[in-house]
Amino acid sequence: MEVDMTLHARERVMRRGVSPALMNLVLEWGEPLSRNPDRLLLTRKRLDRLWREGKLDRKLFLRAEQAVPLVCVVSEGRLVTVFRPSRAI
């Protein structure tokens, strides 16, 4: 899946070492936050569930396991930023 990114998002993706596959995983399977639905959160719990349901290959699962929790912020169909929350959001 190709996603349109802002310049800020491109810089953050590169700086934070988020692979396109990992970013697409969050965009496809991340859960919108109740207080801010533009933020998609991929948690370890959600990742484990996807693994058990057979929706991920082993390589992507192992890579994602090291990166979660991970948040993608999407506004008007464009990726605005990507970050790993340091506390509950």
N, C-alpha and C. Protein backbone atom coordinates (compact mmCIF):
# COMPACT_ATOMS: atom_id res chain seq x y z
N MET A 1 0.85 -1.17 0.00
CA MET A 1 0.00 0.00 0.00
C MET A 1 0.90 1.24 0.00
N GLU A 2 0.70 2.11 -0.96
CA GLU A 2 1.46 3.35 -1.04
C GLU A 2 0.64 4.44 -0.36
N VAL A 3 1.28 5.15 0.55
CA VAL A 3 0.58 6.20 1.29
C VAL A 3 1.27 7.53 1.02
N ASP A 4 0.46 8.57 0.88
CA ASP A 4 0.98 9.91 0.68
C ASP A 4 1.50 10.42 2.02
N MET A 5 2.73 10.96 2.03
CA MET A 5 3.34 11.43 3.27
C MET A 5 3.72 12.90 3.17
N THR A 6 3.59 13.60 4.27
CA THR A 6 4.09 14.97 4.35
C THR A 6 5.61 14.91 4.45
N LEU A 7 6.26 16.03 4.22
CA LEU A 7 7.71 16.10 4.35
C LEU A 7 8.12 15.74 5.78
N HIS A 8 7.37 16.23 6.75
CA HIS A 8 7.64 15.93 8.15
C HIS A 8 7.58 14.41 8.39
N ALA A 9 6.58 13.75 7.84
CA ALA A 9 6.43 12.30 8.00
C ALA A 9 7.62 11.57 7.39
N ARG A 10 8.05 11.98 6.21
CA ARG A 10 9.22 11.33 5.58
C ARG A 10 10.45 11.43 6.47
N GLU A 11 10.67 12.61 7.03
CA GLU A 11 11.82 12.80 7.92
C GLU A 11 11.71 11.92 9.16
N ARG A 12 10.52 11.85 9.74
CA ARG A 12 10.33 11.05 10.96
C ARG A 12 10.46 9.55 10.69
N VAL A 13 9.93 9.10 9.57
CA VAL A 13 10.03 7.69 9.20
C VAL A 13 11.51 7.30 9.06
N MET A 14 12.28 8.14 8.38
CA MET A 14 13.71 7.86 8.20
C MET A 14 14.46 7.93 9.52
N ARG A 15 14.23 8.98 10.29
CA ARG A 15 14.95 9.19 11.55
C ARG A 15 14.64 8.09 12.56
N ARG A 16 13.40 7.63 12.59
CA ARG A 16 12.99 6.64 13.59
C ARG A 16 13.11 5.20 13.09
N GLY A 17 13.60 5.01 11.88
CA GLY A 17 13.86 3.69 11.36
C GLY A 17 12.63 2.82 11.18
N VAL A 18 11.55 3.43 10.76
CA VAL A 18 10.31 2.69 10.54
C VAL A 18 10.27 2.25 9.08
N SER A 19 10.27 0.95 8.86
CA SER A 19 10.26 0.43 7.49
C SER A 19 8.88 0.66 6.86
N PRO A 20 8.83 0.70 5.53
CA PRO A 20 7.53 0.83 4.87
C PRO A 20 6.57 -0.29 5.25
N ALA A 21 7.08 -1.51 5.40
CA ALA A 21 6.22 -2.64 5.77
C ALA A 21 5.61 -2.44 7.15
N LEU A 22 6.41 -1.93 8.08
CA LEU A 22 5.93 -1.69 9.44
C LEU A 22 4.91 -0.55 9.45
N MET A 23 5.19 0.50 8.70
CA MET A 23 4.26 1.62 8.61
C MET A 23 2.93 1.15 8.02
N ASN A 24 2.97 0.34 6.97
CA ASN A 24 1.75 -0.18 6.36
C ASN A 24 0.99 -1.08 7.33
N LEU A 25 1.72 -1.82 8.15
CA LEU A 25 1.08 -2.67 9.15
C LEU A 25 0.25 -1.83 10.13
N VAL A 26 0.81 -0.73 10.57
CA VAL A 26 0.08 0.16 11.49
C VAL A 26 -1.11 0.79 10.77
N LEU A 27 -0.92 1.23 9.55
CA LEU A 27 -2.02 1.86 8.81
C LEU A 27 -3.15 0.88 8.53
N GLU A 28 -2.82 -0.38 8.30
CA GLU A 28 -3.85 -1.37 7.99
C GLU A 28 -4.51 -1.94 9.24
N TRP A 29 -3.73 -2.22 10.29
CA TRP A 29 -4.25 -2.94 11.45
C TRP A 29 -4.26 -2.13 12.74
N GLY A 30 -3.73 -0.91 12.72
CA GLY A 30 -3.73 -0.10 13.93
C GLY A 30 -5.13 0.29 14.33
N GLU A 31 -5.32 0.49 15.62
CA GLU A 31 -6.64 0.84 16.14
C GLU A 31 -6.71 2.35 16.38
N PRO A 32 -7.76 3.02 15.88
CA PRO A 32 -7.90 4.46 16.13
C PRO A 32 -8.11 4.73 17.62
N LEU A 33 -7.49 5.78 18.09
CA LEU A 33 -7.66 6.16 19.49
C LEU A 33 -9.02 6.84 19.67
N SER A 34 -9.65 6.59 20.79
CA SER A 34 -10.99 7.14 21.01
C SER A 34 -10.98 8.67 21.10
N ARG A 35 -9.96 9.23 21.72
CA ARG A 35 -9.91 10.69 21.87
C ARG A 35 -9.40 11.39 20.62
N ASN A 36 -8.63 10.68 19.79
CA ASN A 36 -8.08 11.27 18.58
C ASN A 36 -8.05 10.21 17.48
N PRO A 37 -9.13 10.06 16.72
CA PRO A 37 -9.22 8.99 15.73
C PRO A 37 -8.24 9.12 14.56
N ASP A 38 -7.54 10.26 14.44
CA ASP A 38 -6.51 10.40 13.41
C ASP A 38 -5.25 9.62 13.77
N ARG A 39 -5.13 9.20 15.02
CA ARG A 39 -3.96 8.44 15.48
C ARG A 39 -4.29 6.95 15.48
N LEU A 40 -3.49 6.19 14.77
CA LEU A 40 -3.65 4.74 14.71
C LEU A 40 -2.55 4.11 15.55
N LEU A 41 -2.94 3.31 16.52
CA LEU A 41 -2.00 2.70 17.46
C LEU A 41 -1.92 1.21 17.23
N LEU A 42 -0.71 0.71 17.10
CA LEU A 42 -0.48 -0.73 17.04
C LEU A 42 0.21 -1.13 18.34
N THR A 43 -0.46 -1.96 19.13
CA THR A 43 0.06 -2.40 20.42
C THR A 43 0.56 -3.84 20.32
N ARG A 44 1.29 -4.25 21.33
CA ARG A 44 1.78 -5.63 21.40
C ARG A 44 0.60 -6.61 21.43
N LYS A 45 -0.44 -6.27 22.18
CA LYS A 45 -1.62 -7.12 22.28
C LYS A 45 -2.26 -7.33 20.90
N ARG A 46 -2.42 -6.25 20.14
CA ARG A 46 -3.00 -6.33 18.80
C ARG A 46 -2.08 -7.12 17.87
N LEU A 47 -0.78 -6.89 17.97
CA LEU A 47 0.19 -7.60 17.16
C LEU A 47 0.15 -9.10 17.43
N ASP A 48 0.09 -9.48 18.70
CA ASP A 48 -0.01 -10.90 19.07
C ASP A 48 -1.27 -11.54 18.50
N ARG A 49 -2.38 -10.80 18.54
CA ARG A 49 -3.63 -11.32 18.00
C ARG A 49 -3.53 -11.55 16.49
N LEU A 50 -2.92 -10.60 15.79
CA LEU A 50 -2.73 -10.75 14.34
C LEU A 50 -1.86 -11.96 14.02
N TRP A 51 -0.83 -12.20 14.85
CA TRP A 51 0.06 -13.35 14.66
C TRP A 51 -0.72 -14.66 14.85
N ARG A 52 -1.50 -14.72 15.93
CA ARG A 52 -2.28 -15.93 16.20
C ARG A 52 -3.31 -16.22 15.11
N GLU A 53 -3.85 -15.16 14.51
CA GLU A 53 -4.84 -15.33 13.45
C GLU A 53 -4.20 -15.62 12.09
N GLY A 54 -2.86 -15.63 12.04
CA GLY A 54 -2.16 -15.95 10.80
C GLY A 54 -2.14 -14.83 9.77
N LYS A 55 -2.29 -13.60 10.21
CA LYS A 55 -2.35 -12.47 9.29
C LYS A 55 -0.98 -11.83 9.02
N LEU A 56 0.07 -12.32 9.71
CA LEU A 56 1.42 -11.78 9.54
C LEU A 56 2.40 -12.90 9.24
N ASP A 57 3.41 -12.57 8.42
CA ASP A 57 4.47 -13.56 8.26
C ASP A 57 5.47 -13.38 9.41
N ARG A 58 6.27 -14.39 9.62
CA ARG A 58 7.19 -14.42 10.77
C ARG A 58 8.17 -13.25 10.78
N LYS A 59 8.74 -12.93 9.63
CA LYS A 59 9.74 -11.86 9.55
C LYS A 59 9.14 -10.51 9.97
N LEU A 60 7.96 -10.20 9.45
CA LEU A 60 7.31 -8.93 9.80
C LEU A 60 6.90 -8.92 11.26
N PHE A 61 6.41 -10.05 11.75
CA PHE A 61 6.02 -10.14 13.17
C PHE A 61 7.22 -9.86 14.07
N LEU A 62 8.36 -10.48 13.78
CA LEU A 62 9.55 -10.29 14.62
C LEU A 62 10.04 -8.85 14.57
N ARG A 63 9.99 -8.23 13.39
CA ARG A 63 10.41 -6.84 13.26
C ARG A 63 9.45 -5.92 14.02
N ALA A 64 8.16 -6.17 13.87
CA ALA A 64 7.14 -5.34 14.52
C ALA A 64 7.19 -5.49 16.03
N GLU A 65 7.50 -6.69 16.50
CA GLU A 65 7.57 -6.96 17.93
C GLU A 65 8.58 -6.05 18.62
N GLN A 66 9.65 -5.69 17.90
CA GLN A 66 10.67 -4.80 18.46
C GLN A 66 10.25 -3.33 18.44
N ALA A 67 9.27 -2.98 17.61
CA ALA A 67 8.91 -1.58 17.40
C ALA A 67 7.65 -1.13 18.13
N VAL A 68 6.80 -2.07 18.54
CA VAL A 68 5.53 -1.66 19.16
C VAL A 68 5.75 -1.21 20.59
N PRO A 69 4.95 -0.31 21.11
CA PRO A 69 3.82 0.35 20.46
C PRO A 69 4.30 1.39 19.44
N LEU A 70 3.51 1.56 18.41
CA LEU A 70 3.83 2.49 17.34
C LEU A 70 2.56 3.21 16.92
N VAL A 71 2.67 4.51 16.69
CA VAL A 71 1.53 5.34 16.31
C VAL A 71 1.81 6.01 14.97
N CYS A 72 0.81 5.98 14.08
CA CYS A 72 0.84 6.74 12.84
C CYS A 72 -0.29 7.78 12.92
N VAL A 73 0.03 9.00 12.60
CA VAL A 73 -0.97 10.06 12.59
C VAL A 73 -1.31 10.37 11.13
N VAL A 74 -2.59 10.23 10.80
CA VAL A 74 -3.07 10.43 9.43
C VAL A 74 -4.11 11.53 9.44
N SER A 75 -3.95 12.48 8.53
CA SER A 75 -4.93 13.57 8.42
C SER A 75 -5.22 13.78 6.95
N GLU A 76 -6.49 13.80 6.60
CA GLU A 76 -6.94 14.01 5.22
C GLU A 76 -6.25 13.06 4.25
N GLY A 77 -6.08 11.81 4.68
CA GLY A 77 -5.51 10.79 3.82
C GLY A 77 -4.00 10.83 3.67
N ARG A 78 -3.32 11.69 4.42
CA ARG A 78 -1.86 11.81 4.35
C ARG A 78 -1.26 11.45 5.69
N LEU A 79 -0.14 10.74 5.65
CA LEU A 79 0.60 10.42 6.86
C LEU A 79 1.31 11.68 7.34
N VAL A 80 1.05 12.08 8.58
CA VAL A 80 1.61 13.31 9.12
C VAL A 80 2.88 13.02 9.91
N THR A 81 2.86 11.98 10.74
CA THR A 81 4.04 11.61 11.51
C THR A 81 3.92 10.19 12.02
N VAL A 82 5.03 9.66 12.50
CA VAL A 82 5.11 8.33 13.09
C VAL A 82 5.92 8.47 14.36
N PHE A 83 5.44 7.84 15.46
CA PHE A 83 6.23 7.89 16.69
C PHE A 83 5.93 6.70 17.58
N ARG A 84 6.86 6.46 18.49
CA ARG A 84 6.68 5.44 19.52
C ARG A 84 6.33 6.18 20.80
N PRO A 85 5.14 5.95 21.33
CA PRO A 85 4.74 6.67 22.54
C PRO A 85 5.60 6.28 23.72
N SER A 86 5.98 7.27 24.51
CA SER A 86 6.81 7.00 25.68
C SER A 86 5.96 6.81 26.94
N ARG A 87 4.66 7.09 26.82
CA ARG A 87 3.74 6.92 27.94
C ARG A 87 2.37 6.62 27.37
N ALA A 88 1.41 6.40 28.23
CA ALA A 88 0.05 6.12 27.76
C ALA A 88 -0.50 7.31 27.01
N ILE A 89 -1.13 7.05 25.89
CA ILE A 89 -1.69 8.16 25.09
C ILE A 89 -3.18 8.02 24.96
